[in-house]
């Protein structure tokens, strides 16, 4: 009995392509609406204009995915359904020579780095958010002096610049890569140019991506462990004080450097964000490692890339559940929209 073909999810007819388009459109709508609400709350409410609020600018990167990356995949999939000839950017770069590089400029040369850059921006911003919360937990009295708006904005700009520079690294440091719309992942992916069916010698440059991501995610997890350890000690000490089994030593509650309840809750929220992003990025890392050594996992690549894309609408859900300031901002926003015009009687 013969085995089924490898690419069963990506290439099995009009029905699957139609379902994929419906899924992409729904995801793009959720990403755009959720992140527009996040940015609107930040702009319209003063309590959000803090260093931590500025770090929520990762919503811009998430929204770029919903406005640029996903709609391009929708456009390409619809083009494949209504026309017999595939577009120029479809599987165009894996030839045995560089002749294909002489073709007209392809949109994937923009879409691919945008998706990679936005992914790196999200990871680096979560790392910065974790550092900001760790300062608030470990050194609450020095938080306002150490974490300022100016420093935060500078770090945000640096993280964006570094992220998009890294996203372009395979094209900058090697001439053996191009970008193509992949029929399996249904996205613009980096593709090594093959030489006689073999990968180029510098194909492992793609390992920069998972190395960068796991370095930052590992650092984020380590900082979270330190912060949560401090929170646990503080919680235990407060519990002992409330039970009367520990003297406060005249320190006004036994902890003159205690973090606020909102800082503790924000740290836990960022911990959840870190876990969600680590879970969504891990399949991509596995796929890149397999791709570098020559494996092609079609079904798995679709799941890996779109799980990561779906993470772009998870942040607003986590904020809605965990952040009371965000919920209050959303409530005020909708109340403002539903209020009658000035001078009109209700």
C-alpha atoms as a PDB file:
ATOM      1  CA  UNK A   1       0.000   0.000   0.000  1.00  0.00           C
ATOM      2  CA  UNK A   2       1.507   3.289  -1.111  1.00  0.00           C
ATOM      3  CA  UNK A   3       2.003   6.152   1.309  1.00  0.00           C
ATOM      4  CA  UNK A   4      -0.032   9.367   0.862  1.00  0.00           C
ATOM      5  CA  UNK A   5       1.789  12.299  -0.767  1.00  0.00           C
ATOM      6  CA  UNK A   6       3.781  14.549   1.559  1.00  0.00           C
ATOM      7  CA  UNK A   7       1.913  17.746   0.768  1.00  0.00           C
ATOM      8  CA  UNK A   8      -1.683  16.834   1.531  1.00  0.00           C
ATOM      9  CA  UNK A   9      -2.733  20.041   3.335  1.00  0.00           C
ATOM     10  CA  UNK A  10      -1.291  22.511   0.857  1.00  0.00           C
ATOM     11  CA  UNK A  11      -2.006  21.036  -2.565  1.00  0.00           C
ATOM     12  CA  UNK A  12      -5.227  19.041  -2.419  1.00  0.00           C
ATOM     13  CA  UNK A  13      -7.607  21.163  -4.436  1.00  0.00           C
ATOM     14  CA  UNK A  14      -9.914  24.118  -4.504  1.00  0.00           C
ATOM     15  CA  UNK A  15     -11.756  23.263  -1.272  1.00  0.00           C
ATOM     16  CA  UNK A  16      -8.673  23.395   0.919  1.00  0.00           C
ATOM     17  CA  UNK A  17      -7.539  26.615  -0.759  1.00  0.00           C
ATOM     18  CA  UNK A  18     -10.955  28.170  -0.154  1.00  0.00           C
ATOM     19  CA  UNK A  19     -10.900  27.135   3.500  1.00  0.00           C
ATOM     20  CA  UNK A  20      -7.383  28.545   3.821  1.00  0.00           C
ATOM     21  CA  UNK A  21      -8.502  31.899   2.383  1.00  0.00           C
ATOM     22  CA  UNK A  22     -11.473  32.029   4.770  1.00  0.00           C
ATOM     23  CA  UNK A  23      -9.143  31.301   7.682  1.00  0.00           C
ATOM     24  CA  UNK A  24      -6.660  33.979   6.569  1.00  0.00           C
ATOM     25  CA  UNK A  25      -9.350  36.633   6.148  1.00  0.00           C
ATOM     26  CA  UNK A  26     -10.793  35.883   9.597  1.00  0.00           C
ATOM     27  CA  UNK A  27      -7.351  35.995  11.173  1.00  0.00           C
ATOM     28  CA  UNK A  28      -6.442  39.270   9.472  1.00  0.00           C
ATOM     29  CA  UNK A  29      -9.703  40.826  10.694  1.00  0.00           C
ATOM     30  CA  UNK A  30      -9.059  39.680  14.280  1.00  0.00           C
ATOM     31  CA  UNK A  31      -5.447  40.930  14.218  1.00  0.00           C
ATOM     32  CA  UNK A  32      -6.315  44.356  12.823  1.00  0.00           C
ATOM     33  CA  UNK A  33      -9.360  45.001  15.030  1.00  0.00           C
ATOM     34  CA  UNK A  34      -7.668  43.801  18.212  1.00  0.00           C
ATOM     35  CA  UNK A  35      -4.527  45.848  17.709  1.00  0.00           C
ATOM     36  CA  UNK A  36      -6.417  48.947  16.551  1.00  0.00           C
ATOM     37  CA  UNK A  37      -8.317  48.796  19.851  1.00  0.00           C
ATOM     38  CA  UNK A  38      -5.028  48.424  21.759  1.00  0.00           C
ATOM     39  CA  UNK A  39      -3.420  51.418  20.031  1.00  0.00           C
ATOM     40  CA  UNK A  40      -6.575  53.515  20.374  1.00  0.00           C
ATOM     41  CA  UNK A  41      -6.730  52.857  24.107  1.00  0.00           C
ATOM     42  CA  UNK A  42      -3.083  53.860  24.404  1.00  0.00           C
ATOM     43  CA  UNK A  43      -3.606  57.126  22.494  1.00  0.00           C
ATOM     44  CA  UNK A  44      -6.927  58.085  24.138  1.00  0.00           C
ATOM     45  CA  UNK A  45      -6.194  57.301  27.802  1.00  0.00           C
ATOM     46  CA  UNK A  46      -3.572  59.134  29.842  1.00  0.00           C
ATOM     47  CA  UNK A  47      -2.999  56.293  32.289  1.00  0.00           C
ATOM     48  CA  UNK A  48      -1.623  54.223  29.409  1.00  0.00           C
ATOM     49  CA  UNK A  49       1.111  56.740  28.570  1.00  0.00           C
ATOM     50  CA  UNK A  50       3.735  55.164  30.782  1.00  0.00           C
ATOM     51  CA  UNK A  51       6.990  53.388  29.872  1.00  0.00           C
ATOM     52  CA  UNK A  52       5.097  50.105  30.110  1.00  0.00           C
ATOM     53  CA  UNK A  53       2.388  51.560  27.880  1.00  0.00           C
ATOM     54  CA  UNK A  54       4.935  52.626  25.279  1.00  0.00           C
ATOM     55  CA  UNK A  55       6.287  49.083  25.222  1.00  0.00           C
ATOM     56  CA  UNK A  56       2.850  47.943  24.133  1.00  0.00           C
ATOM     57  CA  UNK A  57       3.856  49.451  20.788  1.00  0.00           C
ATOM     58  CA  UNK A  58       4.402  45.827  19.786  1.00  0.00           C
ATOM     59  CA  UNK A  59       0.752  46.185  18.709  1.00  0.00           C
ATOM     60  CA  UNK A  60       2.115  48.141  15.717  1.00  0.00           C
ATOM     61  CA  UNK A  61       4.218  45.161  14.669  1.00  0.00           C
ATOM     62  CA  UNK A  62       1.282  42.812  15.182  1.00  0.00           C
ATOM     63  CA  UNK A  63      -0.999  45.074  13.140  1.00  0.00           C
ATOM     64  CA  UNK A  64       1.546  45.197  10.287  1.00  0.00           C
ATOM     65  CA  UNK A  65       1.229  41.420  10.083  1.00  0.00           C
ATOM     66  CA  UNK A  66      -2.548  41.745   9.751  1.00  0.00           C
ATOM     67  CA  UNK A  67      -2.406  44.645   7.269  1.00  0.00           C
ATOM     68  CA  UNK A  68       0.527  43.612   5.046  1.00  0.00           C
ATOM     69  CA  UNK A  69       1.542  39.969   5.461  1.00  0.00           C
ATOM     70  CA  UNK A  70      -1.765  38.099   5.723  1.00  0.00           C
ATOM     71  CA  UNK A  71      -3.598  40.103   2.999  1.00  0.00           C
ATOM     72  CA  UNK A  72      -0.757  39.328   0.577  1.00  0.00           C
ATOM     73  CA  UNK A  73      -1.227  35.612   1.231  1.00  0.00           C
ATOM     74  CA  UNK A  74      -4.980  36.064   0.661  1.00  0.00           C
ATOM     75  CA  UNK A  75      -4.309  37.876  -2.618  1.00  0.00           C
ATOM     76  CA  UNK A  76      -1.922  35.170  -3.821  1.00  0.00           C
ATOM     77  CA  UNK A  77      -4.275  32.325  -2.902  1.00  0.00           C
ATOM     78  CA  UNK A  78      -7.197  33.995  -4.698  1.00  0.00           C
ATOM     79  CA  UNK A  79      -4.967  34.609  -7.730  1.00  0.00           C
ATOM     80  CA  UNK A  80      -4.108  30.899  -7.817  1.00  0.00           C
ATOM     81  CA  UNK A  81      -7.812  30.022  -7.707  1.00  0.00           C
ATOM     82  CA  UNK A  82      -8.965  32.340 -10.498  1.00  0.00           C
ATOM     83  CA  UNK A  83      -5.998  32.124 -12.891  1.00  0.00           C
ATOM     84  CA  UNK A  84      -4.261  29.156 -14.468  1.00  0.00           C
ATOM     85  CA  UNK A  85      -0.741  30.674 -14.419  1.00  0.00           C
ATOM     86  CA  UNK A  86       0.851  31.198 -11.003  1.00  0.00           C
ATOM     87  CA  UNK A  87       2.202  34.666 -10.162  1.00  0.00           C
ATOM     88  CA  UNK A  88       5.906  35.401 -10.633  1.00  0.00           C
ATOM     89  CA  UNK A  89       6.673  35.237  -6.921  1.00  0.00           C
ATOM     90  CA  UNK A  90       5.241  31.726  -6.537  1.00  0.00           C
ATOM     91  CA  UNK A  91       8.020  29.147  -5.959  1.00  0.00           C
ATOM     92  CA  UNK A  92      10.397  31.206  -8.097  1.00  0.00           C
ATOM     93  CA  UNK A  93      13.726  31.038  -6.319  1.00  0.00           C
ATOM     94  CA  UNK A  94      14.834  27.436  -5.897  1.00  0.00           C
ATOM     95  CA  UNK A  95      16.544  26.985  -9.245  1.00  0.00           C
ATOM     96  CA  UNK A  96      20.011  25.593  -9.797  1.00  0.00           C
ATOM     97  CA  UNK A  97      21.408  28.906 -10.980  1.00  0.00           C
ATOM     98  CA  UNK A  98      21.073  32.610 -10.438  1.00  0.00           C
ATOM     99  CA  UNK A  99      19.128  33.227 -13.663  1.00  0.00           C
ATOM    100  CA  UNK A 100      15.847  33.600 -11.792  1.00  0.00           C
ATOM    101  CA  UNK A 101      17.271  36.540  -9.870  1.00  0.00           C
ATOM    102  CA  UNK A 102      17.081  38.518 -13.149  1.00  0.00           C
ATOM    103  CA  UNK A 103      13.266  38.417 -13.066  1.00  0.00           C
ATOM    104  CA  UNK A 104      11.327  41.584 -12.127  1.00  0.00           C
ATOM    105  CA  UNK A 105      11.214  42.676  -8.502  1.00  0.00           C
ATOM    106  CA  UNK A 106       8.987  40.400  -6.455  1.00  0.00           C
ATOM    107  CA  UNK A 107       6.683  41.535  -3.631  1.00  0.00           C
ATOM    108  CA  UNK A 108       8.017  38.742  -1.424  1.00  0.00           C
ATOM    109  CA  UNK A 109      11.266  40.682  -1.178  1.00  0.00           C
ATOM    110  CA  UNK A 110       9.258  43.112   0.975  1.00  0.00           C
ATOM    111  CA  UNK A 111       6.641  40.864   2.575  1.00  0.00           C
ATOM    112  CA  UNK A 112       9.120  38.259   3.856  1.00  0.00           C
ATOM    113  CA  UNK A 113      11.388  40.686   5.762  1.00  0.00           C
ATOM    114  CA  UNK A 114       8.330  42.512   7.132  1.00  0.00           C
ATOM    115  CA  UNK A 115       6.996  39.299   8.664  1.00  0.00           C
ATOM    116  CA  UNK A 116      10.409  38.265  10.024  1.00  0.00           C
ATOM    117  CA  UNK A 117      11.128  41.777  11.319  1.00  0.00           C
ATOM    118  CA  UNK A 118       7.758  42.069  13.050  1.00  0.00           C
ATOM    119  CA  UNK A 119       8.337  38.695  14.698  1.00  0.00           C
ATOM    120  CA  UNK A 120      11.715  39.836  16.035  1.00  0.00           C
ATOM    121  CA  UNK A 121      10.192  43.142  17.190  1.00  0.00           C
ATOM    122  CA  UNK A 122       7.572  41.252  19.196  1.00  0.00           C
ATOM    123  CA  UNK A 123      10.200  39.073  20.881  1.00  0.00           C
ATOM    124  CA  UNK A 124      12.537  41.978  21.674  1.00  0.00           C
ATOM    125  CA  UNK A 125       9.651  44.115  22.963  1.00  0.00           C
ATOM    126  CA  UNK A 126       8.473  41.354  25.277  1.00  0.00           C
ATOM    127  CA  UNK A 127      12.060  41.126  26.544  1.00  0.00           C
ATOM    128  CA  UNK A 128      12.078  44.887  27.224  1.00  0.00           C
ATOM    129  CA  UNK A 129       8.696  44.667  28.960  1.00  0.00           C
ATOM    130  CA  UNK A 130      10.085  41.914  31.176  1.00  0.00           C
ATOM    131  CA  UNK A 131      13.109  44.045  32.088  1.00  0.00           C
ATOM    132  CA  UNK A 132      10.858  47.001  32.896  1.00  0.00           C
ATOM    133  CA  UNK A 133       8.684  44.889  35.180  1.00  0.00           C
ATOM    134  CA  UNK A 134      11.719  43.323  36.865  1.00  0.00           C
ATOM    135  CA  UNK A 135      12.978  46.792  37.793  1.00  0.00           C
ATOM    136  CA  UNK A 136       9.548  47.606  39.240  1.00  0.00           C
ATOM    137  CA  UNK A 137       9.586  44.364  41.257  1.00  0.00           C
ATOM    138  CA  UNK A 138      13.211  44.296  42.416  1.00  0.00           C
ATOM    139  CA  UNK A 139      13.870  48.034  42.853  1.00  0.00           C
ATOM    140  CA  UNK A 140      10.458  49.707  43.200  1.00  0.00           C
ATOM    141  CA  UNK A 141      11.890  52.871  44.804  1.00  0.00           C
ATOM    142  CA  UNK A 142      14.210  53.434  41.836  1.00  0.00           C
ATOM    143  CA  UNK A 143      11.731  52.495  39.106  1.00  0.00           C
ATOM    144  CA  UNK A 144      10.887  56.047  38.032  1.00  0.00           C
ATOM    145  CA  UNK A 145      14.553  57.047  37.903  1.00  0.00           C
ATOM    146  CA  UNK A 146      15.737  53.982  35.985  1.00  0.00           C
ATOM    147  CA  UNK A 147      12.804  53.510  33.614  1.00  0.00           C
ATOM    148  CA  UNK A 148      11.990  56.795  31.894  1.00  0.00           C
ATOM    149  CA  UNK A 149       9.944  57.528  28.797  1.00  0.00           C
ATOM    150  CA  UNK A 150      13.005  58.783  26.923  1.00  0.00           C
ATOM    151  CA  UNK A 151      15.037  55.655  27.627  1.00  0.00           C
ATOM    152  CA  UNK A 152      12.083  53.454  26.801  1.00  0.00           C
ATOM    153  CA  UNK A 153      11.475  55.140  23.446  1.00  0.00           C
ATOM    154  CA  UNK A 154      15.197  54.885  22.614  1.00  0.00           C
ATOM    155  CA  UNK A 155      15.221  51.158  23.391  1.00  0.00           C
ATOM    156  CA  UNK A 156      12.079  50.658  21.291  1.00  0.00           C
ATOM    157  CA  UNK A 157      13.698  52.383  18.294  1.00  0.00           C
ATOM    158  CA  UNK A 158      16.881  50.331  18.705  1.00  0.00           C
ATOM    159  CA  UNK A 159      14.897  47.085  18.929  1.00  0.00           C
ATOM    160  CA  UNK A 160      13.007  47.918  15.707  1.00  0.00           C
ATOM    161  CA  UNK A 161      16.229  48.783  13.864  1.00  0.00           C
ATOM    162  CA  UNK A 162      18.050  45.657  15.062  1.00  0.00           C
ATOM    163  CA  UNK A 163      15.059  43.417  14.333  1.00  0.00           C
ATOM    164  CA  UNK A 164      14.663  44.488  10.714  1.00  0.00           C
ATOM    165  CA  UNK A 165      18.429  44.421  10.148  1.00  0.00           C
ATOM    166  CA  UNK A 166      18.434  40.815  11.341  1.00  0.00           C
ATOM    167  CA  UNK A 167      15.436  40.044   9.126  1.00  0.00           C
ATOM    168  CA  UNK A 168      17.489  41.153   6.103  1.00  0.00           C
ATOM    169  CA  UNK A 169      20.653  39.299   7.198  1.00  0.00           C
ATOM    170  CA  UNK A 170      20.310  36.347   4.736  1.00  0.00           C
ATOM    171  CA  UNK A 171      20.068  38.806   1.832  1.00  0.00           C
ATOM    172  CA  UNK A 172      22.793  41.145   3.120  1.00  0.00           C
ATOM    173  CA  UNK A 173      25.430  38.585   4.035  1.00  0.00           C
ATOM    174  CA  UNK A 174      24.785  35.995   1.322  1.00  0.00           C
ATOM    175  CA  UNK A 175      23.937  35.937  -2.380  1.00  0.00           C
ATOM    176  CA  UNK A 176      22.569  32.408  -2.174  1.00  0.00           C
ATOM    177  CA  UNK A 177      19.113  33.291  -0.844  1.00  0.00           C
ATOM    178  CA  UNK A 178      15.953  34.728  -2.269  1.00  0.00           C
ATOM    179  CA  UNK A 179      12.347  35.037  -1.126  1.00  0.00           C
ATOM    180  CA  UNK A 180       9.423  33.178  -2.653  1.00  0.00           C
ATOM    181  CA  UNK A 181       5.800  32.458  -1.919  1.00  0.00           C
ATOM    182  CA  UNK A 182       5.880  28.906  -0.615  1.00  0.00           C
ATOM    183  CA  UNK A 183       2.997  26.611  -1.599  1.00  0.00           C
ATOM    184  CA  UNK A 184       3.166  24.775   1.729  1.00  0.00           C
ATOM    185  CA  UNK A 185       3.401  27.583   4.302  1.00  0.00           C
ATOM    186  CA  UNK A 186       1.357  29.927   2.061  1.00  0.00           C
ATOM    187  CA  UNK A 187       3.693  32.753   2.990  1.00  0.00           C
ATOM    188  CA  UNK A 188       6.763  34.483   1.631  1.00  0.00           C
ATOM    189  CA  UNK A 189       9.730  32.486   2.958  1.00  0.00           C
ATOM    190  CA  UNK A 190      13.485  32.632   2.584  1.00  0.00           C
ATOM    191  CA  UNK A 191      14.604  30.038   0.052  1.00  0.00           C
ATOM    192  CA  UNK A 192      18.225  28.965  -0.591  1.00  0.00           C
ATOM    193  CA  UNK A 193      19.209  28.750  -4.236  1.00  0.00           C
ATOM    194  CA  UNK A 194      20.026  25.127  -4.992  1.00  0.00           C
ATOM    195  CA  UNK A 195      23.198  24.008  -6.762  1.00  0.00           C
ATOM    196  CA  UNK A 196      22.662  20.662  -8.469  1.00  0.00           C
ATOM    197  CA  UNK A 197      19.928  19.834  -5.981  1.00  0.00           C
ATOM    198  CA  UNK A 198      22.175  20.685  -3.013  1.00  0.00           C
ATOM    199  CA  UNK A 199      21.873  23.436  -0.456  1.00  0.00           C
ATOM    200  CA  UNK A 200      24.480  26.243  -0.602  1.00  0.00           C
ATOM    201  CA  UNK A 201      27.353  26.030   1.907  1.00  0.00           C
ATOM    202  CA  UNK A 202      26.079  29.030   3.859  1.00  0.00           C
ATOM    203  CA  UNK A 203      22.510  27.727   4.261  1.00  0.00           C
ATOM    204  CA  UNK A 204      23.019  27.666   8.030  1.00  0.00           C
ATOM    205  CA  UNK A 205      22.810  31.475   8.076  1.00  0.00           C
ATOM    206  CA  UNK A 206      19.087  30.926   8.605  1.00  0.00           C
ATOM    207  CA  UNK A 207      19.964  29.562  12.046  1.00  0.00           C
ATOM    208  CA  UNK A 208      20.535  33.201  13.085  1.00  0.00           C
ATOM    209  CA  UNK A 209      16.760  33.517  13.368  1.00  0.00           C
ATOM    210  CA  UNK A 210      16.077  30.783  15.955  1.00  0.00           C
ATOM    211  CA  UNK A 211      19.374  31.597  17.724  1.00  0.00           C
ATOM    212  CA  UNK A 212      18.317  35.225  18.213  1.00  0.00           C
ATOM    213  CA  UNK A 213      14.789  34.304  19.246  1.00  0.00           C
ATOM    214  CA  UNK A 214      15.739  31.610  21.722  1.00  0.00           C
ATOM    215  CA  UNK A 215      18.488  33.800  23.210  1.00  0.00           C
ATOM    216  CA  UNK A 216      15.998  36.579  23.931  1.00  0.00           C
ATOM    217  CA  UNK A 217      13.270  34.182  25.030  1.00  0.00           C
ATOM    218  CA  UNK A 218      15.732  32.404  27.313  1.00  0.00           C
ATOM    219  CA  UNK A 219      16.806  35.737  28.789  1.00  0.00           C
ATOM    220  CA  UNK A 220      13.161  36.705  29.222  1.00  0.00           C
ATOM    221  CA  UNK A 221      12.385  33.458  31.029  1.00  0.00           C
ATOM    222  CA  UNK A 222      15.432  33.918  33.285  1.00  0.00           C
ATOM    223  CA  UNK A 223      14.407  37.466  34.231  1.00  0.00           C
ATOM    224  CA  UNK A 224      10.853  36.244  34.864  1.00  0.00           C
ATOM    225  CA  UNK A 225      12.178  33.553  37.206  1.00  0.00           C
ATOM    226  CA  UNK A 226      14.100  36.172  39.208  1.00  0.00           C
ATOM    227  CA  UNK A 227      11.057  38.474  39.371  1.00  0.00           C
ATOM    228  CA  UNK A 228       8.642  35.711  40.352  1.00  0.00           C
ATOM    229  CA  UNK A 229      11.064  34.474  43.020  1.00  0.00           C
ATOM    230  CA  UNK A 230      11.086  37.965  44.514  1.00  0.00           C
ATOM    231  CA  UNK A 231       7.287  38.155  44.304  1.00  0.00           C
ATOM    232  CA  UNK A 232       7.010  34.784  46.055  1.00  0.00           C
ATOM    233  CA  UNK A 233       9.305  35.896  48.899  1.00  0.00           C
ATOM    234  CA  UNK A 234       7.368  39.118  49.301  1.00  0.00           C
ATOM    235  CA  UNK A 235       4.034  37.252  49.326  1.00  0.00           C
ATOM    236  CA  UNK A 236       5.265  34.791  51.931  1.00  0.00           C
ATOM    237  CA  UNK A 237       6.590  37.601  54.122  1.00  0.00           C
ATOM    238  CA  UNK A 238       3.311  39.507  53.887  1.00  0.00           C
ATOM    239  CA  UNK A 239       1.424  36.338  54.816  1.00  0.00           C
ATOM    240  CA  UNK A 240       3.621  35.802  57.884  1.00  0.00           C
ATOM    241  CA  UNK A 241       3.110  39.416  58.918  1.00  0.00           C
ATOM    242  CA  UNK A 242      -0.660  39.097  58.606  1.00  0.00           C
ATOM    243  CA  UNK A 243      -0.542  35.968  60.792  1.00  0.00           C
ATOM    244  CA  UNK A 244       1.560  37.762  63.405  1.00  0.00           C
ATOM    245  CA  UNK A 245       4.383  35.207  63.244  1.00  0.00           C
ATOM    246  CA  UNK A 246       6.905  37.747  61.931  1.00  0.00           C
ATOM    247  CA  UNK A 247       7.784  41.106  63.444  1.00  0.00           C
ATOM    248  CA  UNK A 248       7.721  44.067  61.076  1.00  0.00           C
ATOM    249  CA  UNK A 249      10.702  45.642  62.848  1.00  0.00           C
ATOM    250  CA  UNK A 250       9.101  49.067  62.686  1.00  0.00           C
ATOM    251  CA  UNK A 251       9.341  49.094  58.920  1.00  0.00           C
ATOM    252  CA  UNK A 252       5.774  50.141  58.247  1.00  0.00           C
ATOM    253  CA  UNK A 253       4.455  46.752  57.186  1.00  0.00           C
ATOM    254  CA  UNK A 254       7.747  44.905  57.238  1.00  0.00           C
ATOM    255  CA  UNK A 255       8.781  45.728  53.666  1.00  0.00           C
ATOM    256  CA  UNK A 256       9.839  49.262  52.850  1.00  0.00           C
ATOM    257  CA  UNK A 257      10.691  48.229  49.280  1.00  0.00           C
ATOM    258  CA  UNK A 258       7.578  46.257  48.467  1.00  0.00           C
ATOM    259  CA  UNK A 259       6.291  46.354  44.865  1.00  0.00           C
ATOM    260  CA  UNK A 260       2.770  47.510  44.202  1.00  0.00           C
ATOM    261  CA  UNK A 261      -0.051  45.095  43.452  1.00  0.00           C
ATOM    262  CA  UNK A 262      -0.349  46.488  39.900  1.00  0.00           C
ATOM    263  CA  UNK A 263       3.369  45.871  39.285  1.00  0.00           C
ATOM    264  CA  UNK A 264       3.032  42.281  40.460  1.00  0.00           C
ATOM    265  CA  UNK A 265      -0.012  41.689  38.266  1.00  0.00           C
ATOM    266  CA  UNK A 266       1.710  43.285  35.262  1.00  0.00           C
ATOM    267  CA  UNK A 267       4.728  41.006  35.777  1.00  0.00           C
ATOM    268  CA  UNK A 268       2.449  37.969  35.761  1.00  0.00           C
ATOM    269  CA  UNK A 269       0.737  39.219  32.591  1.00  0.00           C
ATOM    270  CA  UNK A 270       4.084  39.592  30.826  1.00  0.00           C
ATOM    271  CA  UNK A 271       5.007  36.105  32.015  1.00  0.00           C
ATOM    272  CA  UNK A 272       1.892  34.790  30.274  1.00  0.00           C
ATOM    273  CA  UNK A 273       2.838  36.727  27.119  1.00  0.00           C
ATOM    274  CA  UNK A 274       6.295  35.159  27.215  1.00  0.00           C
ATOM    275  CA  UNK A 275       4.869  31.660  27.551  1.00  0.00           C
ATOM    276  CA  UNK A 276       2.408  32.254  24.690  1.00  0.00           C
ATOM    277  CA  UNK A 277       5.103  33.553  22.361  1.00  0.00           C
ATOM    278  CA  UNK A 278       7.528  30.747  23.248  1.00  0.00           C
ATOM    279  CA  UNK A 279       4.830  28.180  22.490  1.00  0.00           C
ATOM    280  CA  UNK A 280       3.945  29.820  19.168  1.00  0.00           C
ATOM    281  CA  UNK A 281       7.559  30.256  18.033  1.00  0.00           C
ATOM    282  CA  UNK A 282       8.878  26.796  18.912  1.00  0.00           C
ATOM    283  CA  UNK A 283       7.304  25.061  15.839  1.00  0.00           C
ATOM    284  CA  UNK A 284       8.960  27.646  13.548  1.00  0.00           C
ATOM    285  CA  UNK A 285      12.343  26.976  15.155  1.00  0.00           C
ATOM    286  CA  UNK A 286      11.923  23.231  14.591  1.00  0.00           C
ATOM    287  CA  UNK A 287      10.921  23.850  10.969  1.00  0.00           C
ATOM    288  CA  UNK A 288      13.929  26.114  10.288  1.00  0.00           C
ATOM    289  CA  UNK A 289      16.316  23.563  11.805  1.00  0.00           C
ATOM    290  CA  UNK A 290      14.814  20.820   9.644  1.00  0.00           C
ATOM    291  CA  UNK A 291      14.874  23.021   6.550  1.00  0.00           C
ATOM    292  CA  UNK A 292      18.565  23.825   6.979  1.00  0.00           C
ATOM    293  CA  UNK A 293      19.486  20.134   6.985  1.00  0.00           C
ATOM    294  CA  UNK A 294      17.324  19.437   3.940  1.00  0.00           C
ATOM    295  CA  UNK A 295      13.923  18.288   5.232  1.00  0.00           C
ATOM    296  CA  UNK A 296      10.700  19.613   3.692  1.00  0.00           C
ATOM    297  CA  UNK A 297       7.688  19.346   5.972  1.00  0.00           C
ATOM    298  CA  UNK A 298       4.772  20.798   4.050  1.00  0.00           C
ATOM    299  CA  UNK A 299       1.909  20.242   6.466  1.00  0.00           C
ATOM    300  CA  UNK A 300       4.067  21.151   9.426  1.00  0.00           C
ATOM    301  CA  UNK A 301       5.306  24.361   7.793  1.00  0.00           C
ATOM    302  CA  UNK A 302       1.724  25.578   7.298  1.00  0.00           C
ATOM    303  CA  UNK A 303       0.863  24.925  10.934  1.00  0.00           C
ATOM    304  CA  UNK A 304       4.114  26.441  12.223  1.00  0.00           C
ATOM    305  CA  UNK A 305       3.903  29.708  10.287  1.00  0.00           C
ATOM    306  CA  UNK A 306       0.215  30.306  10.906  1.00  0.00           C
ATOM    307  CA  UNK A 307       0.404  29.456  14.619  1.00  0.00           C
ATOM    308  CA  UNK A 308       3.049  32.180  14.860  1.00  0.00           C
ATOM    309  CA  UNK A 309       0.860  34.544  12.819  1.00  0.00           C
ATOM    310  CA  UNK A 310      -2.112  33.849  15.081  1.00  0.00           C
ATOM    311  CA  UNK A 311      -0.037  35.011  18.031  1.00  0.00           C
ATOM    312  CA  UNK A 312      -0.441  38.559  16.681  1.00  0.00           C
ATOM    313  CA  UNK A 313      -4.018  38.654  17.967  1.00  0.00           C
ATOM    314  CA  UNK A 314      -3.283  36.933  21.296  1.00  0.00           C
ATOM    315  CA  UNK A 315      -1.741  39.940  23.031  1.00  0.00           C
ATOM    316  CA  UNK A 316      -4.962  41.961  23.083  1.00  0.00           C
ATOM    317  CA  UNK A 317      -6.825  38.933  24.491  1.00  0.00           C
ATOM    318  CA  UNK A 318      -4.280  38.553  27.300  1.00  0.00           C
ATOM    319  CA  UNK A 319      -4.449  42.274  28.079  1.00  0.00           C
ATOM    320  CA  UNK A 320      -8.254  42.138  28.140  1.00  0.00           C
ATOM    321  CA  UNK A 321      -8.201  39.320  30.693  1.00  0.00           C
ATOM    322  CA  UNK A 322      -5.292  40.458  32.874  1.00  0.00           C
ATOM    323  CA  UNK A 323      -4.912  44.264  32.659  1.00  0.00           C
ATOM    324  CA  UNK A 324      -7.623  46.224  34.476  1.00  0.00           C
ATOM    325  CA  UNK A 325      -6.261  49.513  33.094  1.00  0.00           C
ATOM    326  CA  UNK A 326      -6.673  48.215  29.573  1.00  0.00           C
ATOM    327  CA  UNK A 327     -10.216  47.016  30.281  1.00  0.00           C
ATOM    328  CA  UNK A 328     -11.026  50.392  31.823  1.00  0.00           C
ATOM    329  CA  UNK A 329      -9.603  52.148  28.765  1.00  0.00           C
ATOM    330  CA  UNK A 330     -11.704  50.023  26.416  1.00  0.00           C
ATOM    331  CA  UNK A 331     -14.808  50.745  28.511  1.00  0.00           C
ATOM    332  CA  UNK A 332     -14.136  54.490  28.435  1.00  0.00           C
ATOM    333  CA  UNK A 333     -13.486  54.329  24.701  1.00  0.00           C
ATOM    334  CA  UNK A 334     -16.810  52.686  23.914  1.00  0.00           C
ATOM    335  CA  UNK A 335     -18.666  54.935  26.363  1.00  0.00           C
ATOM    336  CA  UNK A 336     -17.190  57.935  24.582  1.00  0.00           C
ATOM    337  CA  UNK A 337     -18.311  56.601  21.197  1.00  0.00           C
ATOM    338  CA  UNK A 338     -21.842  55.909  22.456  1.00  0.00           C
ATOM    339  CA  UNK A 339     -22.276  59.258  24.258  1.00  0.00           C
ATOM    340  CA  UNK A 340     -24.605  61.762  22.500  1.00  0.00           C
ATOM    341  CA  UNK A 341     -23.145  64.762  20.671  1.00  0.00           C
ATOM    342  CA  UNK A 342     -22.458  67.913  22.676  1.00  0.00           C
ATOM    343  CA  UNK A 343     -25.649  69.819  23.447  1.00  0.00           C
ATOM    344  CA  UNK A 344     -27.986  66.970  22.502  1.00  0.00           C
ATOM    345  CA  UNK A 345     -30.350  65.841  25.223  1.00  0.00           C
ATOM    346  CA  UNK A 346     -30.545  62.184  26.122  1.00  0.00           C
END
